[in-house]
Amino acid sequence: MSIIGAEDEDFENDLNDPNEDQCKHFNSIELLKERPTHLLVFMQHVILQFDPAPLLCYLHAELFKKLFAKENAKENAKEIKKQFVEFYNTFLDKGAILRVSIPVTISNELDRTRADLLSEEVQKRYVQEIQNLQIPDVKKQLEDFRHKRMMGMTQNEEELIDVENHYPTDRVPMKMKEAYVAETLLEKMSDMQPTIVMDEEKCQSIFAAVTAYMKHLDVKTRGADSKSKSKGMFFKRQAKTRKDDTPKKPKPIFSGIPPWRSCMFYSCFVLLTPF
């Protein structure tokens, strides 16, 4: 019979993962998809390390399925069709920046039939099949995140601890706390866009998909939107200033006459003018 001393217990405790209690939300995408702060931290890791299209496609497929599962789905037929067309344009179209791999059978059918003309049942089946195809990539990304987090190589740990340590009250429930911290994170990500993704067009597509899903989790994005608008106005004003500051070329003395002829004409005019 072996006797375990206090030192042995301390040694075993040191071997335990220090983030074990905080990693439960990162065990699966099912646990993660409804936690805005944790999801945003994971999203940023994926955007920096991987192609984010599979993760974003999976999440937006989830939005479509929820819309379809509502009791008044028949009344939302137009909205369902609109969502599927947006899903197609973002992830399935051959020219889509965030295009994901899809089965050949679905690709051929989409080549023959417009996305908005497919029946709701076909749309639902396609979305489910395509979402299932993204699961292996999302699992690999989650595994990589957990591994890097154990080594202290992931960002925004303070925000995660802030949410994990929050004691929910009637005044500030957990959902409100998570939404507030997630809003702050989303604003930081918006400021970091040029450094996260160098390609401007791809960057816009990624963050449009991120903010669309965050809106579903009641995370406000007005700060990011207003900043992008103000940046746009700034660049417009800057462009106008550059145009106004450009030195204007002097007009020739006699308009309509080439410069070399105008010089000769002016010389003759001076010589013939009586003093």
Protein backbone atom coordinates (compact mmCIF):
# COMPACT_ATOMS: atom_id res chain seq x y z
CA MET A 1 0.00 0.00 0.00
CA SER A 2 1.54 3.29 -1.11
CA ILE A 3 1.27 6.38 1.03
CA ILE A 4 0.76 9.68 -0.76
CA GLY A 5 2.24 12.60 1.09
CA ALA A 6 1.41 16.28 0.88
CA GLU A 7 4.36 16.90 -1.44
CA ASP A 8 3.07 14.25 -3.86
CA GLU A 9 -0.36 15.87 -3.89
CA ASP A 10 1.20 19.25 -4.64
CA PHE A 11 3.18 17.67 -7.47
CA GLU A 12 0.02 16.13 -8.95
CA ASN A 13 -1.78 19.46 -8.69
CA ASP A 14 1.06 21.12 -10.59
CA LEU A 15 0.55 18.65 -13.42
CA ASN A 16 -3.10 19.61 -13.80
CA ASP A 17 -4.00 22.09 -16.51
CA PRO A 18 -4.24 25.55 -14.87
CA ASN A 19 -6.89 26.55 -17.42
CA GLU A 20 -8.86 23.32 -17.08
CA ASP A 21 -11.85 24.95 -15.38
CA GLN A 22 -11.93 27.77 -17.91
CA CYS A 23 -11.54 25.56 -21.02
CA LYS A 24 -14.94 23.85 -20.87
CA HIS A 25 -16.43 26.26 -23.41
CA PHE A 26 -13.64 25.44 -25.86
CA ASN A 27 -14.29 21.70 -25.77
CA SER A 28 -16.75 21.87 -28.66
CA ILE A 29 -18.25 24.37 -31.05
CA GLU A 30 -21.68 23.49 -29.65
CA LEU A 31 -20.67 24.91 -26.26
CA LEU A 32 -18.84 27.83 -27.81
CA LYS A 33 -21.31 29.16 -30.36
CA GLU A 34 -23.58 30.85 -27.77
CA ARG A 35 -20.79 32.43 -25.68
CA PRO A 36 -19.88 35.71 -27.42
CA THR A 37 -16.68 36.56 -25.53
CA HIS A 38 -15.19 33.08 -25.78
CA LEU A 39 -16.26 32.78 -29.40
CA LEU A 40 -14.66 36.10 -30.37
CA VAL A 41 -11.38 35.12 -28.72
CA PHE A 42 -11.45 31.85 -30.64
CA MET A 43 -12.41 33.64 -33.87
CA GLN A 44 -9.44 35.98 -33.61
CA HIS A 45 -7.12 33.01 -33.12
CA VAL A 46 -8.57 31.30 -36.20
CA ILE A 47 -8.35 34.46 -38.32
CA LEU A 48 -4.68 34.85 -37.39
CA GLN A 49 -3.68 31.19 -37.75
CA PHE A 50 -6.06 29.54 -40.25
CA ASP A 51 -8.51 30.11 -43.05
CA PRO A 52 -11.59 31.38 -41.14
CA ALA A 53 -14.06 30.42 -43.89
CA PRO A 54 -14.97 26.95 -42.46
CA LEU A 55 -15.69 28.37 -38.99
CA LEU A 56 -17.71 31.31 -40.31
CA CYS A 57 -19.59 29.04 -42.71
CA TYR A 58 -20.46 26.67 -39.85
CA LEU A 59 -21.78 29.52 -37.69
CA HIS A 60 -23.84 31.12 -40.45
CA ALA A 61 -25.32 27.73 -41.32
CA GLU A 62 -26.41 27.59 -37.69
CA LEU A 63 -28.19 30.94 -38.09
CA PHE A 64 -30.03 29.65 -41.15
CA LYS A 65 -31.12 26.48 -39.35
CA LYS A 66 -32.44 28.48 -36.40
CA LEU A 67 -34.47 30.68 -38.72
CA PHE A 68 -35.89 27.58 -40.40
CA ALA A 69 -36.71 25.95 -37.05
CA LYS A 70 -38.91 28.81 -35.84
CA GLU A 71 -42.60 28.07 -35.35
CA ASN A 72 -43.59 30.73 -37.86
CA ALA A 73 -41.13 29.48 -40.49
CA LYS A 74 -43.83 29.59 -43.17
CA GLU A 75 -44.42 33.27 -42.48
CA ASN A 76 -40.65 33.86 -42.71
CA ALA A 77 -40.38 32.26 -46.15
CA LYS A 78 -39.02 35.47 -47.72
CA GLU A 79 -36.48 35.92 -44.93
CA ILE A 80 -35.37 32.29 -45.23
CA LYS A 81 -34.86 32.68 -48.97
CA LYS A 82 -32.95 35.92 -48.42
CA GLN A 83 -30.69 34.28 -45.82
CA PHE A 84 -29.93 31.36 -48.12
CA VAL A 85 -29.01 33.68 -50.99
CA GLU A 86 -26.65 35.58 -48.66
CA PHE A 87 -25.21 32.27 -47.45
CA TYR A 88 -24.68 31.23 -51.07
CA ASN A 89 -23.07 34.53 -52.07
CA THR A 90 -20.72 34.47 -49.07
CA PHE A 91 -19.62 30.83 -48.92
CA LEU A 92 -20.77 28.84 -51.98
CA ASP A 93 -20.49 31.05 -55.05
CA LYS A 94 -17.45 30.28 -57.19
CA GLY A 95 -16.32 33.90 -56.91
CA ALA A 96 -16.92 34.16 -53.14
CA ILE A 97 -13.93 35.34 -51.11
CA LEU A 98 -14.87 33.00 -48.23
CA ARG A 99 -15.79 30.07 -50.46
CA VAL A 100 -15.67 26.65 -48.80
CA SER A 101 -15.40 23.23 -50.39
CA ILE A 102 -18.79 21.73 -51.25
CA PRO A 103 -19.90 18.37 -52.68
CA VAL A 104 -19.82 18.05 -56.46
CA THR A 105 -23.52 17.18 -56.57
CA ILE A 106 -24.47 20.41 -54.78
CA SER A 107 -22.06 22.44 -56.92
CA ASN A 108 -23.57 21.05 -60.13
CA GLU A 109 -27.10 21.73 -58.93
CA LEU A 110 -26.22 25.31 -58.00
CA ASP A 111 -24.72 25.78 -61.47
CA ARG A 112 -28.02 24.70 -63.04
CA THR A 113 -30.45 26.41 -60.67
CA ARG A 114 -30.43 29.87 -59.12
CA ALA A 115 -30.09 29.82 -55.35
CA ASP A 116 -33.35 31.69 -54.77
CA LEU A 117 -35.32 29.22 -56.92
CA LEU A 118 -34.46 26.17 -54.82
CA SER A 119 -37.19 24.85 -52.54
CA GLU A 120 -36.88 25.44 -48.80
CA GLU A 121 -36.35 21.75 -48.13
CA VAL A 122 -33.49 21.61 -50.63
CA GLN A 123 -31.96 24.77 -49.14
CA LYS A 124 -32.16 23.28 -45.66
CA ARG A 125 -30.59 20.00 -46.80
CA TYR A 126 -27.74 21.77 -48.61
CA VAL A 127 -26.96 23.97 -45.61
CA GLN A 128 -26.89 20.95 -43.29
CA GLU A 129 -24.58 18.96 -45.59
CA ILE A 130 -22.22 21.90 -46.06
CA GLN A 131 -22.16 22.61 -42.32
CA ASN A 132 -21.26 18.98 -41.59
CA LEU A 133 -18.33 19.24 -44.00
CA GLN A 134 -16.85 22.11 -41.97
CA ILE A 135 -16.84 20.21 -38.65
CA PRO A 136 -13.43 18.47 -39.09
CA ASP A 137 -11.69 21.81 -39.79
CA VAL A 138 -13.43 23.50 -36.86
CA LYS A 139 -12.42 20.65 -34.53
CA LYS A 140 -8.78 20.97 -35.61
CA GLN A 141 -8.91 24.71 -34.98
CA LEU A 142 -10.39 24.18 -31.52
CA GLU A 143 -7.74 21.60 -30.68
CA ASP A 144 -5.00 23.99 -31.80
CA PHE A 145 -6.52 26.80 -29.72
CA ARG A 146 -6.70 24.66 -26.57
CA HIS A 147 -3.10 23.54 -27.05
CA LYS A 148 -1.82 27.09 -27.63
CA ARG A 149 -3.85 28.41 -24.69
CA MET A 150 -2.28 25.88 -22.33
CA MET A 151 1.11 27.26 -23.37
CA GLY A 152 -0.05 30.86 -22.89
CA MET A 153 0.13 31.63 -26.61
CA THR A 154 -3.41 32.97 -27.12
CA GLN A 155 -4.62 36.53 -26.82
CA ASN A 156 -7.29 38.29 -24.72
CA GLU A 157 -6.92 36.06 -21.66
CA GLU A 158 -7.81 38.98 -19.38
CA GLU A 159 -11.21 39.35 -21.03
CA LEU A 160 -11.92 35.65 -20.60
CA ILE A 161 -10.97 35.76 -16.92
CA ASP A 162 -13.12 38.87 -16.46
CA VAL A 163 -16.16 37.00 -17.77
CA GLU A 164 -15.37 33.75 -15.94
CA ASN A 165 -14.98 35.54 -12.60
CA HIS A 166 -18.13 37.62 -12.96
CA TYR A 167 -20.79 36.94 -10.36
CA PRO A 168 -24.16 37.39 -12.08
CA THR A 169 -26.69 39.67 -10.41
CA ASP A 170 -30.12 40.99 -11.33
CA ARG A 171 -28.52 44.26 -12.34
CA VAL A 172 -25.69 42.71 -14.38
CA PRO A 173 -26.60 39.17 -15.46
CA MET A 174 -24.00 36.97 -17.13
CA LYS A 175 -25.47 37.53 -20.60
CA MET A 176 -25.14 41.30 -20.23
CA LYS A 177 -21.57 40.99 -18.96
CA GLU A 178 -20.57 38.73 -21.84
CA ALA A 179 -22.16 41.03 -24.41
CA TYR A 180 -20.35 44.06 -22.96
CA VAL A 181 -16.93 42.39 -22.96
CA ALA A 182 -17.56 40.97 -26.43
CA GLU A 183 -18.47 44.43 -27.71
CA THR A 184 -15.14 45.75 -26.42
CA LEU A 185 -13.30 42.86 -28.07
CA LEU A 186 -15.11 43.43 -31.36
CA GLU A 187 -14.10 47.08 -31.31
CA LYS A 188 -10.46 46.09 -30.71
CA MET A 189 -10.63 43.63 -33.60
CA SER A 190 -12.08 46.35 -35.81
CA ASP A 191 -9.14 48.63 -35.00
CA MET A 192 -6.71 45.77 -35.76
CA GLN A 193 -8.26 44.81 -39.10
CA PRO A 194 -5.36 45.93 -41.32
CA THR A 195 -2.86 43.99 -39.17
CA ILE A 196 -4.99 40.85 -38.88
CA VAL A 197 -5.78 40.47 -42.60
CA MET A 198 -3.65 42.28 -45.15
CA ASP A 199 -6.04 41.82 -48.10
CA GLU A 200 -8.59 44.64 -47.74
CA GLU A 201 -11.43 42.93 -49.61
CA LYS A 202 -11.01 39.67 -47.70
CA CYS A 203 -10.72 41.61 -44.46
CA GLN A 204 -14.08 43.30 -45.09
CA SER A 205 -15.75 39.98 -45.92
CA ILE A 206 -14.42 38.31 -42.77
CA PHE A 207 -15.46 41.08 -40.41
CA ALA A 208 -18.86 41.45 -42.06
CA ALA A 209 -19.46 37.74 -41.35
CA VAL A 210 -18.15 38.09 -37.78
CA THR A 211 -20.32 41.10 -36.93
CA ALA A 212 -23.39 39.47 -38.51
CA TYR A 213 -23.09 36.48 -36.19
CA MET A 214 -22.31 38.66 -33.18
CA LYS A 215 -25.49 40.60 -33.85
CA HIS A 216 -27.36 37.32 -33.41
CA LEU A 217 -25.77 37.06 -29.93
CA ASP A 218 -26.97 40.60 -29.06
CA VAL A 219 -23.48 42.08 -29.30
CA LYS A 220 -23.64 45.70 -30.40
CA THR A 221 -21.44 46.73 -33.30
CA ARG A 222 -22.32 50.40 -33.52
CA GLY A 223 -18.87 51.46 -32.36
CA ALA A 224 -17.20 49.54 -35.16
CA ASP A 225 -19.73 50.79 -37.72
CA SER A 226 -19.35 54.44 -36.73
CA LYS A 227 -15.57 54.14 -36.83
CA SER A 228 -15.62 52.68 -40.33
CA LYS A 229 -17.96 55.45 -41.46
CA SER A 230 -15.77 58.14 -39.91
CA LYS A 231 -12.72 56.61 -41.56
CA GLY A 232 -14.53 56.69 -44.88
CA MET A 233 -15.40 60.36 -44.42
CA PHE A 234 -11.81 61.08 -43.40
CA PHE A 235 -10.43 59.50 -46.55
CA LYS A 236 -12.96 61.39 -48.67
CA ARG A 237 -11.97 64.69 -47.07
CA GLN A 238 -8.31 63.80 -47.44
CA ALA A 239 -8.78 63.05 -51.13
CA LYS A 240 -10.54 66.38 -51.64
CA THR A 241 -7.74 68.20 -49.82
CA ARG A 242 -5.14 66.57 -52.01
CA LYS A 243 -7.06 67.60 -55.10
CA ASP A 244 -7.37 71.22 -53.93
CA ASP A 245 -3.70 71.42 -52.90
CA THR A 246 -2.46 70.37 -56.35
CA PRO A 247 -0.76 73.40 -57.96
CA LYS A 248 -2.59 74.59 -61.03
CA LYS A 249 -0.70 75.02 -64.28
CA PRO A 250 -0.56 78.65 -65.48
CA LYS A 251 -2.73 79.35 -68.47
CA PRO A 252 -0.96 80.49 -71.65
CA ILE A 253 -0.96 84.23 -72.31
CA PHE A 254 -3.02 83.82 -75.45
CA SER A 255 -5.42 80.94 -75.06
CA GLY A 256 -5.97 78.81 -78.12
CA ILE A 257 -2.42 79.45 -79.42
CA PRO A 258 0.35 76.89 -78.83
CA PRO A 259 2.93 78.02 -76.23
CA TRP A 260 5.82 78.39 -78.69
CA ARG A 261 3.69 80.48 -81.06
CA SER A 262 2.32 82.61 -78.24
CA CYS A 263 5.89 83.47 -77.19
CA MET A 264 6.80 84.54 -80.74
CA PHE A 265 3.58 86.50 -81.06
CA TYR A 266 4.22 88.24 -77.75
CA SER A 267 7.80 89.17 -78.78
CA CYS A 268 6.57 90.66 -82.04
CA PHE A 269 3.85 92.51 -80.20
CA VAL A 270 6.41 94.08 -77.82
CA LEU A 271 8.75 95.10 -80.66
CA LEU A 272 6.00 96.69 -82.73
CA THR A 273 4.46 98.59 -79.84
CA PRO A 274 5.41 102.31 -80.08
CA PHE A 275 7.05 103.87 -77.02
